[in-house]
Structures are given as C-alpha cells and as structure tokens.
PDB file of N, CA and C in Angstrom:
ATOM      1  N   MET A   1     -11.432-222.359 -57.780  1.00  0.00           N
ATOM      2  CA  MET A   1     -12.732-221.718 -57.676  1.00  0.00           C
ATOM      3  C   MET A   1     -13.779-222.596 -58.360  1.00  0.00           C
ATOM      4  N   LEU A   2     -14.954-222.640 -57.769  1.00  0.00           N
ATOM      5  CA  LEU A   2     -16.018-223.485 -58.283  1.00  0.00           C
ATOM      6  C   LEU A   2     -17.202-222.616 -58.696  1.00  0.00           C
ATOM      7  N   ASP A   3     -17.747-222.909 -59.852  1.00  0.00           N
ATOM      8  CA  ASP A   3     -18.938-222.211 -60.338  1.00  0.00           C
ATOM      9  C   ASP A   3     -20.015-223.267 -60.563  1.00  0.00           C
ATOM     10  N   VAL A   4     -21.164-223.085 -59.927  1.00  0.00           N
ATOM     11  CA  VAL A   4     -22.260-224.031 -60.035  1.00  0.00           C
ATOM     12  C   VAL A   4     -23.496-223.287 -60.522  1.00  0.00           C
ATOM     13  N   GLN A   5     -24.101-223.799 -61.595  1.00  0.00           N
ATOM     14  CA  GLN A   5     -25.316-223.189 -62.140  1.00  0.00           C
ATOM     15  C   GLN A   5     -26.397-224.249 -62.241  1.00  0.00           C
ATOM     16  N   VAL A   6     -27.625-223.851 -61.916  1.00  0.00           N
ATOM     17  CA  VAL A   6     -28.753-224.781 -61.927  1.00  0.00           C
ATOM     18  C   VAL A   6     -29.799-224.280 -62.909  1.00  0.00           C
ATOM     19  N   ARG A   7     -30.312-225.204 -63.726  1.00  0.00           N
ATOM     20  CA  ARG A   7     -31.407-224.865 -64.639  1.00  0.00           C
ATOM     21  C   ARG A   7     -32.288-226.092 -64.806  1.00  0.00           C
ATOM     22  N   VAL A   8     -33.498-225.879 -65.292  1.00  0.00           N
ATOM     23  CA  VAL A   8     -34.413-226.982 -65.552  1.00  0.00           C
ATOM     24  C   VAL A   8     -34.687-227.019 -67.047  1.00  0.00           C
ATOM     25  N   ALA A   9     -34.569-228.205 -67.638  1.00  0.00           N
ATOM     26  CA  ALA A   9     -34.837-228.399 -69.057  1.00  0.00           C
ATOM     27  C   ALA A   9     -35.630-229.685 -69.224  1.00  0.00           C
ATOM     28  N   ASP A  10     -36.777-229.593 -69.857  1.00  0.00           N
ATOM     29  CA  ASP A  10     -37.621-230.762 -70.134  1.00  0.00           C
ATOM     30  C   ASP A  10     -37.878-231.609 -68.888  1.00  0.00           C
ATOM     31  N   GLY A  11     -38.162-230.940 -67.774  1.00  0.00           N
ATOM     32  CA  GLY A  11     -38.518-231.655 -66.557  1.00  0.00           C
ATOM     33  C   GLY A  11     -37.353-232.271 -65.793  1.00  0.00           C
ATOM     34  N   THR A  12     -36.126-231.947 -66.196  1.00  0.00           N
ATOM     35  CA  THR A  12     -34.933-232.458 -65.524  1.00  0.00           C
ATOM     36  C   THR A  12     -34.138-231.280 -64.980  1.00  0.00           C
ATOM     37  N   THR A  13     -33.692-231.385 -63.745  1.00  0.00           N
ATOM     38  CA  THR A  13     -32.825-230.354 -63.172  1.00  0.00           C
ATOM     39  C   THR A  13     -31.389-230.667 -63.568  1.00  0.00           C
ATOM     40  N   ILE A  14     -30.729-229.672 -64.157  1.00  0.00           N
ATOM     41  CA  ILE A  14     -29.343-229.826 -64.598  1.00  0.00           C
ATOM     42  C   ILE A  14     -28.476-228.895 -63.758  1.00  0.00           C
ATOM     43  N   VAL A  15     -27.513-229.485 -63.079  1.00  0.00           N
ATOM     44  CA  VAL A  15     -26.555-228.714 -62.291  1.00  0.00           C
ATOM     45  C   VAL A  15     -25.232-228.758 -63.037  1.00  0.00           C
ATOM     46  N   SER A  16     -24.822-227.609 -63.571  1.00  0.00           N
ATOM     47  CA  SER A  16     -23.561-227.523 -64.309  1.00  0.00           C
ATOM     48  C   SER A  16     -22.467-227.050 -63.364  1.00  0.00           C
ATOM     49  N   VAL A  17     -21.379-227.806 -63.331  1.00  0.00           N
ATOM     50  CA  VAL A  17     -20.285-227.532 -62.414  1.00  0.00           C
ATOM     51  C   VAL A  17     -19.031-227.218 -63.226  1.00  0.00           C
ATOM     52  N   HIS A  18     -18.373-226.105 -62.887  1.00  0.00           N
ATOM     53  CA  HIS A  18     -17.147-225.690 -63.578  1.00  0.00           C
ATOM     54  C   HIS A  18     -16.072-225.436 -62.539  1.00  0.00           C
ATOM     55  N   GLY A  19     -14.864-225.935 -62.788  1.00  0.00           N
ATOM     56  CA  GLY A  19     -13.756-225.678 -61.876  1.00  0.00           C
ATOM     57  C   GLY A  19     -13.238-226.947 -61.245  1.00  0.00           C
ATOM     58  N   GLU A  20     -12.831-226.842 -59.980  1.00  0.00           N
ATOM     59  CA  GLU A  20     -12.264-227.969 -59.264  1.00  0.00           C
ATOM     60  C   GLU A  20     -13.086-228.260 -58.022  1.00  0.00           C
ATOM     61  N   VAL A  21     -13.335-229.551 -57.776  1.00  0.00           N
ATOM     62  CA  VAL A  21     -14.081-229.961 -56.586  1.00  0.00           C
ATOM     63  C   VAL A  21     -13.086-230.607 -55.620  1.00  0.00           C
ATOM     64  N   ASP A  22     -12.755-229.859 -54.585  1.00  0.00           N
ATOM     65  CA  ASP A  22     -11.821-230.343 -53.575  1.00  0.00           C
ATOM     66  C   ASP A  22     -12.444-230.150 -52.196  1.00  0.00           C
ATOM     67  N   MET A  23     -11.638-230.296 -51.159  1.00  0.00           N
ATOM     68  CA  MET A  23     -12.155-230.198 -49.796  1.00  0.00           C
ATOM     69  C   MET A  23     -12.771-228.818 -49.530  1.00  0.00           C
ATOM     70  N   ALA A  24     -12.218-227.785 -50.123  1.00  0.00           N
ATOM     71  CA  ALA A  24     -12.707-226.430 -49.889  1.00  0.00           C
ATOM     72  C   ALA A  24     -14.023-226.149 -50.623  1.00  0.00           C
ATOM     73  N   SER A  25     -14.164-226.693 -51.836  1.00  0.00           N
ATOM     74  CA  SER A  25     -15.345-226.369 -52.650  1.00  0.00           C
ATOM     75  C   SER A  25     -16.457-227.413 -52.564  1.00  0.00           C
ATOM     76  N   ALA A  26     -16.171-228.590 -52.030  1.00  0.00           N
ATOM     77  CA  ALA A  26     -17.185-229.654 -51.952  1.00  0.00           C
ATOM     78  C   ALA A  26     -18.443-229.233 -51.191  1.00  0.00           C
ATOM     79  N   PRO A  27     -18.341-228.504 -50.077  1.00  0.00           N
ATOM     80  CA  PRO A  27     -19.573-228.092 -49.390  1.00  0.00           C
ATOM     81  C   PRO A  27     -20.482-227.217 -50.262  1.00  0.00           C
ATOM     82  N   GLN A  28     -19.884-226.367 -51.080  1.00  0.00           N
ATOM     83  CA  GLN A  28     -20.669-225.533 -51.997  1.00  0.00           C
ATOM     84  C   GLN A  28     -21.421-226.417 -52.994  1.00  0.00           C
ATOM     85  N   LEU A  29     -20.743-227.424 -53.522  1.00  0.00           N
ATOM     86  CA  LEU A  29     -21.373-228.349 -54.456  1.00  0.00           C
ATOM     87  C   LEU A  29     -22.497-229.121 -53.769  1.00  0.00           C
ATOM     88  N   GLN A  30     -22.240-229.603 -52.565  1.00  0.00           N
ATOM     89  CA  GLN A  30     -23.257-230.372 -51.852  1.00  0.00           C
ATOM     90  C   GLN A  30     -24.509-229.534 -51.596  1.00  0.00           C
ATOM     91  N   THR A  31     -24.330-228.296 -51.177  1.00  0.00           N
ATOM     92  CA  THR A  31     -25.469-227.409 -50.937  1.00  0.00           C
ATOM     93  C   THR A  31     -26.280-227.220 -52.215  1.00  0.00           C
ATOM     94  N   ALA A  32     -25.593-226.972 -53.326  1.00  0.00           N
ATOM     95  CA  ALA A  32     -26.275-226.761 -54.609  1.00  0.00           C
ATOM     96  C   ALA A  32     -27.045-228.009 -55.035  1.00  0.00           C
ATOM     97  N   LEU A  33     -26.444-229.179 -54.871  1.00  0.00           N
ATOM     98  CA  LEU A  33     -27.104-230.426 -55.281  1.00  0.00           C
ATOM     99  C   LEU A  33     -28.288-230.754 -54.381  1.00  0.00           C
ATOM    100  N   GLU A  34     -28.144-230.519 -53.092  1.00  0.00           N
ATOM    101  CA  GLU A  34     -29.266-230.782 -52.180  1.00  0.00           C
ATOM    102  C   GLU A  34     -30.439-229.858 -52.477  1.00  0.00           C
ATOM    103  N   GLU A  35     -30.150-228.587 -52.776  1.00  0.00           N
ATOM    104  CA  GLU A  35     -31.213-227.645 -53.138  1.00  0.00           C
ATOM    105  C   GLU A  35     -31.873-228.067 -54.446  1.00  0.00           C
ATOM    106  N   ALA A  36     -31.075-228.517 -55.398  1.00  0.00           N
ATOM    107  CA  ALA A  36     -31.614-228.946 -56.694  1.00  0.00           C
ATOM    108  C   ALA A  36     -32.522-230.160 -56.529  1.00  0.00           C
ATOM    109  N   GLN A  37     -32.195-231.043 -55.595  1.00  0.00           N
ATOM    110  CA  GLN A  37     -33.003-232.249 -55.364  1.00  0.00           C
ATOM    111  C   GLN A  37     -34.369-231.922 -54.768  1.00  0.00           C
ATOM    112  N   ARG A  38     -34.470-230.807 -54.087  1.00  0.00           N
ATOM    113  CA  ARG A  38     -35.735-230.453 -53.438  1.00  0.00           C
ATOM    114  C   ARG A  38     -36.870-230.269 -54.432  1.00  0.00           C
ATOM    115  N   GLY A  39     -36.530-229.991 -55.681  1.00  0.00           N
ATOM    116  CA  GLY A  39     -37.556-229.799 -56.704  1.00  0.00           C
ATOM    117  C   GLY A  39     -38.261-231.088 -57.090  1.00  0.00           C
ATOM    118  N   GLY A  40     -37.691-232.228 -56.721  1.00  0.00           N
ATOM    119  CA  GLY A  40     -38.320-233.507 -57.013  1.00  0.00           C
ATOM    120  C   GLY A  40     -38.192-233.973 -58.453  1.00  0.00           C
ATOM    121  N   LYS A  41     -37.432-233.249 -59.251  1.00  0.00           N
ATOM    122  CA  LYS A  41     -37.234-233.633 -60.651  1.00  0.00           C
ATOM    123  C   LYS A  41     -35.984-234.512 -60.764  1.00  0.00           C
ATOM    124  N   PRO A  42     -35.883-235.293 -61.853  1.00  0.00           N
ATOM    125  CA  PRO A  42     -34.642-236.043 -62.089  1.00  0.00           C
ATOM    126  C   PRO A  42     -33.462-235.075 -62.101  1.00  0.00           C
ATOM    127  N   LEU A  43     -32.306-235.540 -61.638  1.00  0.00           N
ATOM    128  CA  LEU A  43     -31.139-234.672 -61.484  1.00  0.00           C
ATOM    129  C   LEU A  43     -29.979-235.157 -62.336  1.00  0.00           C
ATOM    130  N   VAL A  44     -29.445-234.232 -63.136  1.00  0.00           N
ATOM    131  CA  VAL A  44     -28.237-234.489 -63.922  1.00  0.00           C
ATOM    132  C   VAL A  44     -27.170-233.520 -63.428  1.00  0.00           C
ATOM    133  N   VAL A  45     -26.008-234.062 -63.060  1.00  0.00           N
ATOM    134  CA  VAL A  45     -24.884-233.239 -62.625  1.00  0.00           C
ATOM    135  C   VAL A  45     -23.872-233.223 -63.766  1.00  0.00           C
ATOM    136  N   ASP A  46     -23.786-232.079 -64.453  1.00  0.00           N
ATOM    137  CA  ASP A  46     -22.883-231.951 -65.592  1.00  0.00           C
ATOM    138  C   ASP A  46     -21.512-231.495 -65.091  1.00  0.00           C
ATOM    139  N   MET A  47     -20.595-232.453 -65.016  1.00  0.00           N
ATOM    140  CA  MET A  47     -19.239-232.170 -64.546  1.00  0.00           C
ATOM    141  C   MET A  47     -18.235-232.246 -65.693  1.00  0.00           C
ATOM    142  N   SER A  48     -18.716-232.002 -66.901  1.00  0.00           N
ATOM    143  CA  SER A  48     -17.842-232.093 -68.076  1.00  0.00           C
ATOM    144  C   SER A  48     -16.788-230.990 -68.097  1.00  0.00           C
ATOM    145  N   GLU A  49     -16.987-229.934 -67.299  1.00  0.00           N
ATOM    146  CA  GLU A  49     -16.021-228.836 -67.234  1.00  0.00           C
ATOM    147  C   GLU A  49     -15.254-228.822 -65.910  1.00  0.00           C
ATOM    148  N   VAL A  50     -15.219-229.963 -65.230  1.00  0.00           N
ATOM    149  CA  VAL A  50     -14.488-230.069 -63.967  1.00  0.00           C
ATOM    150  C   VAL A  50     -13.097-230.622 -64.245  1.00  0.00           C
ATOM    151  N   GLY A  51     -12.077-229.908 -63.753  1.00  0.00           N
ATOM    152  CA  GLY A  51     -10.696-230.312 -64.004  1.00  0.00           C
ATOM    153  C   GLY A  51     -10.094-231.173 -62.909  1.00  0.00           C
ATOM    154  N   PHE A  52     -10.748-231.203 -61.742  1.00  0.00           N
ATOM    155  CA  PHE A  52     -10.237-232.013 -60.631  1.00  0.00           C
ATOM    156  C   PHE A  52     -11.404-232.415 -59.742  1.00  0.00           C
ATOM    157  N   LEU A  53     -11.439-233.695 -59.369  1.00  0.00           N
ATOM    158  CA  LEU A  53     -12.448-234.199 -58.441  1.00  0.00           C
ATOM    159  C   LEU A  53     -11.728-234.962 -57.344  1.00  0.00           C
ATOM    160  N   GLY A  54     -11.712-234.383 -56.149  1.00  0.00           N
ATOM    161  CA  GLY A  54     -11.053-235.014 -55.014  1.00  0.00           C
ATOM    162  C   GLY A  54     -12.009-235.905 -54.238  1.00  0.00           C
ATOM    163  N   SER A  55     -11.482-236.505 -53.179  1.00  0.00           N
ATOM    164  CA  SER A  55     -12.281-237.441 -52.388  1.00  0.00           C
ATOM    165  C   SER A  55     -13.497-236.771 -51.752  1.00  0.00           C
ATOM    166  N   ALA A  56     -13.380-235.499 -51.390  1.00  0.00           N
ATOM    167  CA  ALA A  56     -14.534-234.791 -50.819  1.00  0.00           C
ATOM    168  C   ALA A  56     -15.652-234.677 -51.856  1.00  0.00           C
ATOM    169  N   GLY A  57     -15.295-234.453 -53.099  1.00  0.00           N
ATOM    170  CA  GLY A  57     -16.285-234.379 -54.175  1.00  0.00           C
ATOM    171  C   GLY A  57     -16.930-235.727 -54.448  1.00  0.00           C
ATOM    172  N   LEU A  58     -16.131-236.790 -54.387  1.00  0.00           N
ATOM    173  CA  LEU A  58     -16.667-238.142 -54.546  1.00  0.00           C
ATOM    174  C   LEU A  58     -17.698-238.423 -53.456  1.00  0.00           C
ATOM    175  N   SER A  59     -17.380-237.998 -52.255  1.00  0.00           N
ATOM    176  CA  SER A  59     -18.280-238.181 -51.119  1.00  0.00           C
ATOM    177  C   SER A  59     -19.605-237.469 -51.351  1.00  0.00           C
ATOM    178  N   VAL A  60     -19.533-236.247 -51.854  1.00  0.00           N
ATOM    179  CA  VAL A  60     -20.744-235.473 -52.138  1.00  0.00           C
ATOM    180  C   VAL A  60     -21.612-236.211 -53.158  1.00  0.00           C
ATOM    181  N   LEU A  61     -21.008-236.709 -54.221  1.00  0.00           N
ATOM    182  CA  LEU A  61     -21.773-237.422 -55.246  1.00  0.00           C
ATOM    183  C   LEU A  61     -22.450-238.652 -54.658  1.00  0.00           C
ATOM    184  N   LEU A  62     -21.746-239.350 -53.808  1.00  0.00           N
ATOM    185  CA  LEU A  62     -22.294-240.549 -53.188  1.00  0.00           C
ATOM    186  C   LEU A  62     -23.475-240.208 -52.267  1.00  0.00           C
ATOM    187  N   VAL A  63     -23.318-239.204 -51.431  1.00  0.00           N
ATOM    188  CA  VAL A  63     -24.381-238.791 -50.500  1.00  0.00           C
ATOM    189  C   VAL A  63     -25.632-238.359 -51.267  1.00  0.00           C
ATOM    190  N   VAL A  64     -25.439-237.569 -52.305  1.00  0.00           N
ATOM    191  CA  VAL A  64     -26.572-237.063 -53.086  1.00  0.00           C
ATOM    192  C   VAL A  64     -27.251-238.200 -53.843  1.00  0.00           C
ATOM    193  N   THR A  65     -26.468-239.136 -54.356  1.00  0.00           N
ATOM    194  CA  THR A  65     -27.037-240.281 -55.066  1.00  0.00           C
ATOM    195  C   THR A  65     -27.858-241.147 -54.125  1.00  0.00           C
ATOM    196  N   GLU A  66     -27.338-241.403 -52.930  1.00  0.00           N
ATOM    197  CA  GLU A  66     -28.080-242.212 -51.955  1.00  0.00           C
ATOM    198  C   GLU A  66     -29.380-241.518 -51.540  1.00  0.00           C
ATOM    199  N   ALA A  67     -29.347-240.196 -51.418  1.00  0.00           N
ATOM    200  CA  ALA A  67     -30.542-239.443 -51.034  1.00  0.00           C
ATOM    201  C   ALA A  67     -31.586-239.438 -52.147  1.00  0.00           C
ATOM    202  N   ALA A  68     -31.141-239.620 -53.391  1.00  0.00           N
ATOM    203  CA  ALA A  68     -32.054-239.559 -54.534  1.00  0.00           C
ATOM    204  C   ALA A  68     -32.952-240.788 -54.629  1.00  0.00           C
ATOM    205  N   GLY A  69     -32.543-241.894 -54.037  1.00  0.00           N
ATOM    206  CA  GLY A  69     -33.356-243.100 -54.085  1.00  0.00           C
ATOM    207  C   GLY A  69     -33.433-243.675 -55.487  1.00  0.00           C
ATOM    208  N   ALA A  70     -34.611-244.159 -55.832  1.00  0.00           N
ATOM    209  CA  ALA A  70     -34.793-244.870 -57.104  1.00  0.00           C
ATOM    210  C   ALA A  70     -34.561-243.970 -58.313  1.00  0.00           C
ATOM    211  N   GLU A  71     -34.891-242.700 -58.184  1.00  0.00           N
ATOM    212  CA  GLU A  71     -34.726-241.774 -59.312  1.00  0.00           C
ATOM    213  C   GLU A  71     -33.259-241.641 -59.693  1.00  0.00           C
ATOM    214  N   GLY A  72     -32.392-241.644 -58.706  1.00  0.00           N
ATOM    215  CA  GLY A  72     -30.955-241.588 -58.971  1.00  0.00           C
ATOM    216  C   GLY A  72     -30.474-240.243 -59.458  1.00  0.00           C
ATOM    217  N   VAL A  73     -29.187-240.184 -59.660  1.00  0.00           N
ATOM    218  CA  VAL A  73     -28.520-238.988 -60.150  1.00  0.00           C
ATOM    219  C   VAL A  73     -27.672-239.417 -61.331  1.00  0.00           C
ATOM    220  N   ARG A  74     -27.734-238.660 -62.397  1.00  0.00           N
ATOM    221  CA  ARG A  74     -26.905-238.938 -63.571  1.00  0.00           C
ATOM    222  C   ARG A  74     -25.736-237.959 -63.582  1.00  0.00           C
ATOM    223  N   VAL A  75     -24.527-238.474 -63.737  1.00  0.00           N
ATOM    224  CA  VAL A  75     -23.321-237.653 -63.706  1.00  0.00           C
ATOM    225  C   VAL A  75     -22.683-237.646 -65.092  1.00  0.00           C
ATOM    226  N   VAL A  76     -22.487-236.441 -65.644  1.00  0.00           N
ATOM    227  CA  VAL A  76     -21.752-236.287 -66.893  1.00  0.00           C
ATOM    228  C   VAL A  76     -20.309-236.002 -66.493  1.00  0.00           C
ATOM    229  N   ALA A  77     -19.402-236.890 -66.886  1.00  0.00           N
ATOM    230  CA  ALA A  77     -18.035-236.835 -66.369  1.00  0.00           C
ATOM    231  C   ALA A  77     -17.007-236.455 -67.422  1.00  0.00           C
ATOM    232  N   SER A  78     -16.149-235.498 -67.044  1.00  0.00           N
ATOM    233  CA  SER A  78     -14.938-235.239 -67.819  1.00  0.00           C
ATOM    234  C   SER A  78     -13.966-236.378 -67.492  1.00  0.00           C
ATOM    235  N   GLU A  79     -12.861-236.439 -68.193  1.00  0.00           N
ATOM    236  CA  GLU A  79     -11.867-237.472 -67.894  1.00  0.00           C
ATOM    237  C   GLU A  79     -11.357-237.318 -66.458  1.00  0.00           C
ATOM    238  N   ALA A  80     -11.188-236.068 -66.006  1.00  0.00           N
ATOM    239  CA  ALA A  80     -10.701-235.801 -64.650  1.00  0.00           C
ATOM    240  C   ALA A  80     -11.708-236.233 -63.589  1.00  0.00           C
ATOM    241  N   VAL A  81     -12.964-236.341 -63.955  1.00  0.00           N
ATOM    242  CA  VAL A  81     -14.002-236.792 -63.033  1.00  0.00           C
ATOM    243  C   VAL A  81     -14.169-238.308 -63.133  1.00  0.00           C
ATOM    244  N   ARG A  82     -14.160-238.798 -64.344  1.00  0.00           N
ATOM    245  CA  ARG A  82     -14.366-240.235 -64.564  1.00  0.00           C
ATOM    246  C   ARG A  82     -13.267-241.080 -63.899  1.00  0.00           C
ATOM    247  N   ARG A  83     -12.038-240.636 -63.982  1.00  0.00           N
ATOM    248  CA  ARG A  83     -10.925-241.438 -63.464  1.00  0.00           C
ATOM    249  C   ARG A  83     -11.063-241.746 -61.965  1.00  0.00           C
ATOM    250  N   PRO A  84     -11.247-240.751 -61.090  1.00  0.00           N
ATOM    251  CA  PRO A  84     -11.390-241.102 -59.668  1.00  0.00           C
ATOM    252  C   PRO A  84     -12.659-241.905 -59.377  1.00  0.00           C
ATOM    253  N   ILE A  85     -13.707-241.681 -60.143  1.00  0.00           N
ATOM    254  CA  ILE A  85     -14.936-242.460 -59.956  1.00  0.00           C
ATOM    255  C   ILE A  85     -14.654-243.935 -60.250  1.00  0.00           C
ATOM    256  N   GLU A  86     -13.951-244.204 -61.347  1.00  0.00           N
ATOM    257  CA  GLU A  86     -13.648-245.587 -61.713  1.00  0.00           C
ATOM    258  C   GLU A  86     -12.623-246.210 -60.768  1.00  0.00           C
ATOM    259  N   LEU A  87     -11.610-245.440 -60.368  1.00  0.00           N
ATOM    260  CA  LEU A  87     -10.567-245.982 -59.483  1.00  0.00           C
ATOM    261  C   LEU A  87     -11.118-246.388 -58.124  1.00  0.00           C
ATOM    262  N   THR A  88     -12.145-245.680 -57.660  1.00  0.00           N
ATOM    263  CA  THR A  88     -12.730-245.993 -56.354  1.00  0.00           C
ATOM    264  C   THR A  88     -13.876-246.995 -56.453  1.00  0.00           C
ATOM    265  N   GLY A  89     -14.232-247.382 -57.674  1.00  0.00           N
ATOM    266  CA  GLY A  89     -15.326-248.333 -57.853  1.00  0.00           C
ATOM    267  C   GLY A  89     -16.703-247.698 -57.758  1.00  0.00           C
ATOM    268  N   LEU A  90     -16.752-246.384 -57.659  1.00  0.00           N
ATOM    269  CA  LEU A  90     -18.050-245.703 -57.554  1.00  0.00           C
ATOM    270  C   LEU A  90     -18.840-245.738 -58.859  1.00  0.00           C
ATOM    271  N   ASP A  91     -18.162-246.120 -59.951  1.00  0.00           N
ATOM    272  CA  ASP A  91     -18.894-246.236 -61.214  1.00  0.00           C
ATOM    273  C   ASP A  91     -19.935-247.355 -61.148  1.00  0.00           C
ATOM    274  N   LYS A  92     -19.822-248.228 -60.146  1.00  0.00           N
ATOM    275  CA  LYS A  92     -20.835-249.275 -59.950  1.00  0.00           C
ATOM    276  C   LYS A  92     -22.082-248.716 -59.260  1.00  0.00           C
ATOM    277  N   MET A  93     -21.917-247.579 -58.579  1.00  0.00           N
ATOM    278  CA  MET A  93     -23.021-246.974 -57.834  1.00  0.00           C
ATOM    279  C   MET A  93     -23.584-245.725 -58.504  1.00  0.00           C
ATOM    280  N   LEU A  94     -22.753-245.071 -59.301  1.00  0.00           N
ATOM    281  CA  LEU A  94     -23.165-243.830 -59.950  1.00  0.00           C
ATOM    282  C   LEU A  94     -23.486-244.094 -61.421  1.00  0.00           C
ATOM    283  N   ALA A  95     -24.478-243.391 -61.933  1.00  0.00           N
ATOM    284  CA  ALA A  95     -24.791-243.466 -63.361  1.00  0.00           C
ATOM    285  C   ALA A  95     -23.945-242.406 -64.059  1.00  0.00           C
ATOM    286  N   VAL A  96     -22.901-242.858 -64.778  1.00  0.00           N
ATOM    287  CA  VAL A  96     -21.936-241.945 -65.387  1.00  0.00           C
ATOM    288  C   VAL A  96     -22.127-241.932 -66.897  1.00  0.00           C
ATOM    289  N   TYR A  97     -22.125-240.721 -67.475  1.00  0.00           N
ATOM    290  CA  TYR A  97     -22.338-240.550 -68.910  1.00  0.00           C
ATOM    291  C   TYR A  97     -21.227-239.697 -69.505  1.00  0.00           C
ATOM    292  N   ASP A  98     -21.007-239.875 -70.814  1.00  0.00           N
ATOM    293  CA  ASP A  98     -19.955-239.138 -71.508  1.00  0.00           C
ATOM    294  C   ASP A  98     -20.392-237.741 -71.933  1.00  0.00           C
ATOM    295  N   SER A  99     -21.711-237.531 -72.073  1.00  0.00           N
ATOM    296  CA  SER A  99     -22.186-236.227 -72.540  1.00  0.00           C
ATOM    297  C   SER A  99     -23.523-235.884 -71.887  1.00  0.00           C
ATOM    298  N   LEU A 100     -23.827-234.600 -71.880  1.00  0.00           N
ATOM    299  CA  LEU A 100     -25.098-234.140 -71.333  1.00  0.00           C
ATOM    300  C   LEU A 100     -26.256-234.708 -72.151  1.00  0.00           C
ATOM    301  N   ASP A 101     -26.098-234.749 -73.463  1.00  0.00           N
ATOM    302  CA  ASP A 101     -27.154-235.303 -74.312  1.00  0.00           C
ATOM    303  C   ASP A 101     -27.453-236.758 -73.952  1.00  0.00           C
ATOM    304  N   ALA A 102     -26.403-237.546 -73.703  1.00  0.00           N
ATOM    305  CA  ALA A 102     -26.598-238.956 -73.341  1.00  0.00           C
ATOM    306  C   ALA A 102     -27.319-239.071 -72.001  1.00  0.00           C
ATOM    307  N   ALA A 103     -26.955-238.240 -71.040  1.00  0.00           N
ATOM    308  CA  ALA A 103     -27.599-238.285 -69.721  1.00  0.00           C
ATOM    309  C   ALA A 103     -29.056-237.856 -69.812  1.00  0.00           C
ATOM    310  N   LEU A 104     -29.344-236.867 -70.621  1.00  0.00           N
ATOM    311  CA  LEU A 104     -30.727-236.401 -70.766  1.00  0.00           C
ATOM    312  C   LEU A 104     -31.570-237.393 -71.555  1.00  0.00           C
ATOM    313  N   ALA A 105     -30.970-238.113 -72.485  1.00  0.00           N
ATOM    314  CA  ALA A 105     -31.688-239.074 -73.305  1.00  0.00           C
ATOM    315  C   ALA A 105     -32.237-240.222 -72.465  1.00  0.00           C
ATOM    316  N   VAL A 106     -31.577-240.552 -71.365  1.00  0.00           N
ATOM    317  CA  VAL A 106     -32.035-241.629 -70.487  1.00  0.00           C
ATOM    318  C   VAL A 106     -33.412-241.298 -69.946  1.00  0.00           C
ATOM    319  N   GLY A 107     -33.610-240.064 -69.545  1.00  0.00           N
ATOM    320  CA  GLY A 107     -34.896-239.652 -68.993  1.00  0.00           C
ATOM    321  C   GLY A 107     -36.019-239.702 -70.007  1.00  0.00           C
ATOM    322  N   THR A 108     -35.715-239.362 -71.268  1.00  0.00           N
ATOM    323  CA  THR A 108     -36.775-239.329 -72.266  1.00  0.00           C
ATOM    324  C   THR A 108     -37.128-240.711 -72.768  1.00  0.00           C
ATOM    325  N   SER A 109     -36.160-241.622 -72.803  1.00  0.00           N
ATOM    326  CA  SER A 109     -36.469-242.963 -73.309  1.00  0.00           C
ATOM    327  C   SER A 109     -37.262-243.763 -72.284  1.00  0.00           C
ATOM    328  N   ALA A 110     -37.113-243.423 -71.016  1.00  0.00           N
ATOM    329  CA  ALA A 110     -37.814-244.163 -69.965  1.00  0.00           C
ATOM    330  C   ALA A 110     -39.271-243.743 -69.841  1.00  0.00           C
ATOM    331  N   SER A 111     -39.606-242.559 -70.353  1.00  0.00           N
ATOM    332  CA  SER A 111     -40.987-242.096 -70.180  1.00  0.00           C
ATOM    333  C   SER A 111     -41.838-242.249 -71.398  1.00  0.00           C
TER     334      SER A 111
END
C-alpha cells in the first residue's frame, strides 16, 4: 500500500511517500507528482519511508525529473530507494539526498 502526502513549505512542494512503489502503486505516485509539479514550485520527493522501489517507480522518477526541466526534482532516498537508483545509474540524472533537511537546504542556498 502506498501513502502519498503533499505539502508546501518555504516555497517548495514536498511530496512525502510511504510504503512500496511497485507496478501497482507507481501510477498513483506519478499522478501525485504531476499534480504537485503544476504549482510551479521546486519539488522535493521525500522517499525516506519507502521500503521498496521497483522499476516502475524508477520510471516515474525519471519522467517527472525530465518534465521538471532546469528546476529539477530533489529525491530524499531511503537505502531501499538509493540502491536501485545507483544500480541503474539514475543517480547521475536524479538529485539524491540523504535527508529532507539536506534537500530543502539546496533551495535556500541557491536563492
């Protein structure tokens, strides 16, 4: 089961994801991320509480990142999320952070 919550903090949209991202739940995640992007604010995807990230979830992250353009998407990764990202080489395309604070700090230091 996947639980996705969206909130805005200091001008950044934060999408918190809890559970497992697999073929069944990836469309739910993609819908939530696409809706969050419509606000035009920087996007942080907090996946620190995700226990499994399958190839469908990797695909969603890639699609959303490409759609974000220069602003990009920041991903907070649990070990279960970081491992498939690194194994597939997507860590070269995705901005991956160890904590929500680290991901949010990027936005404040740039402005």
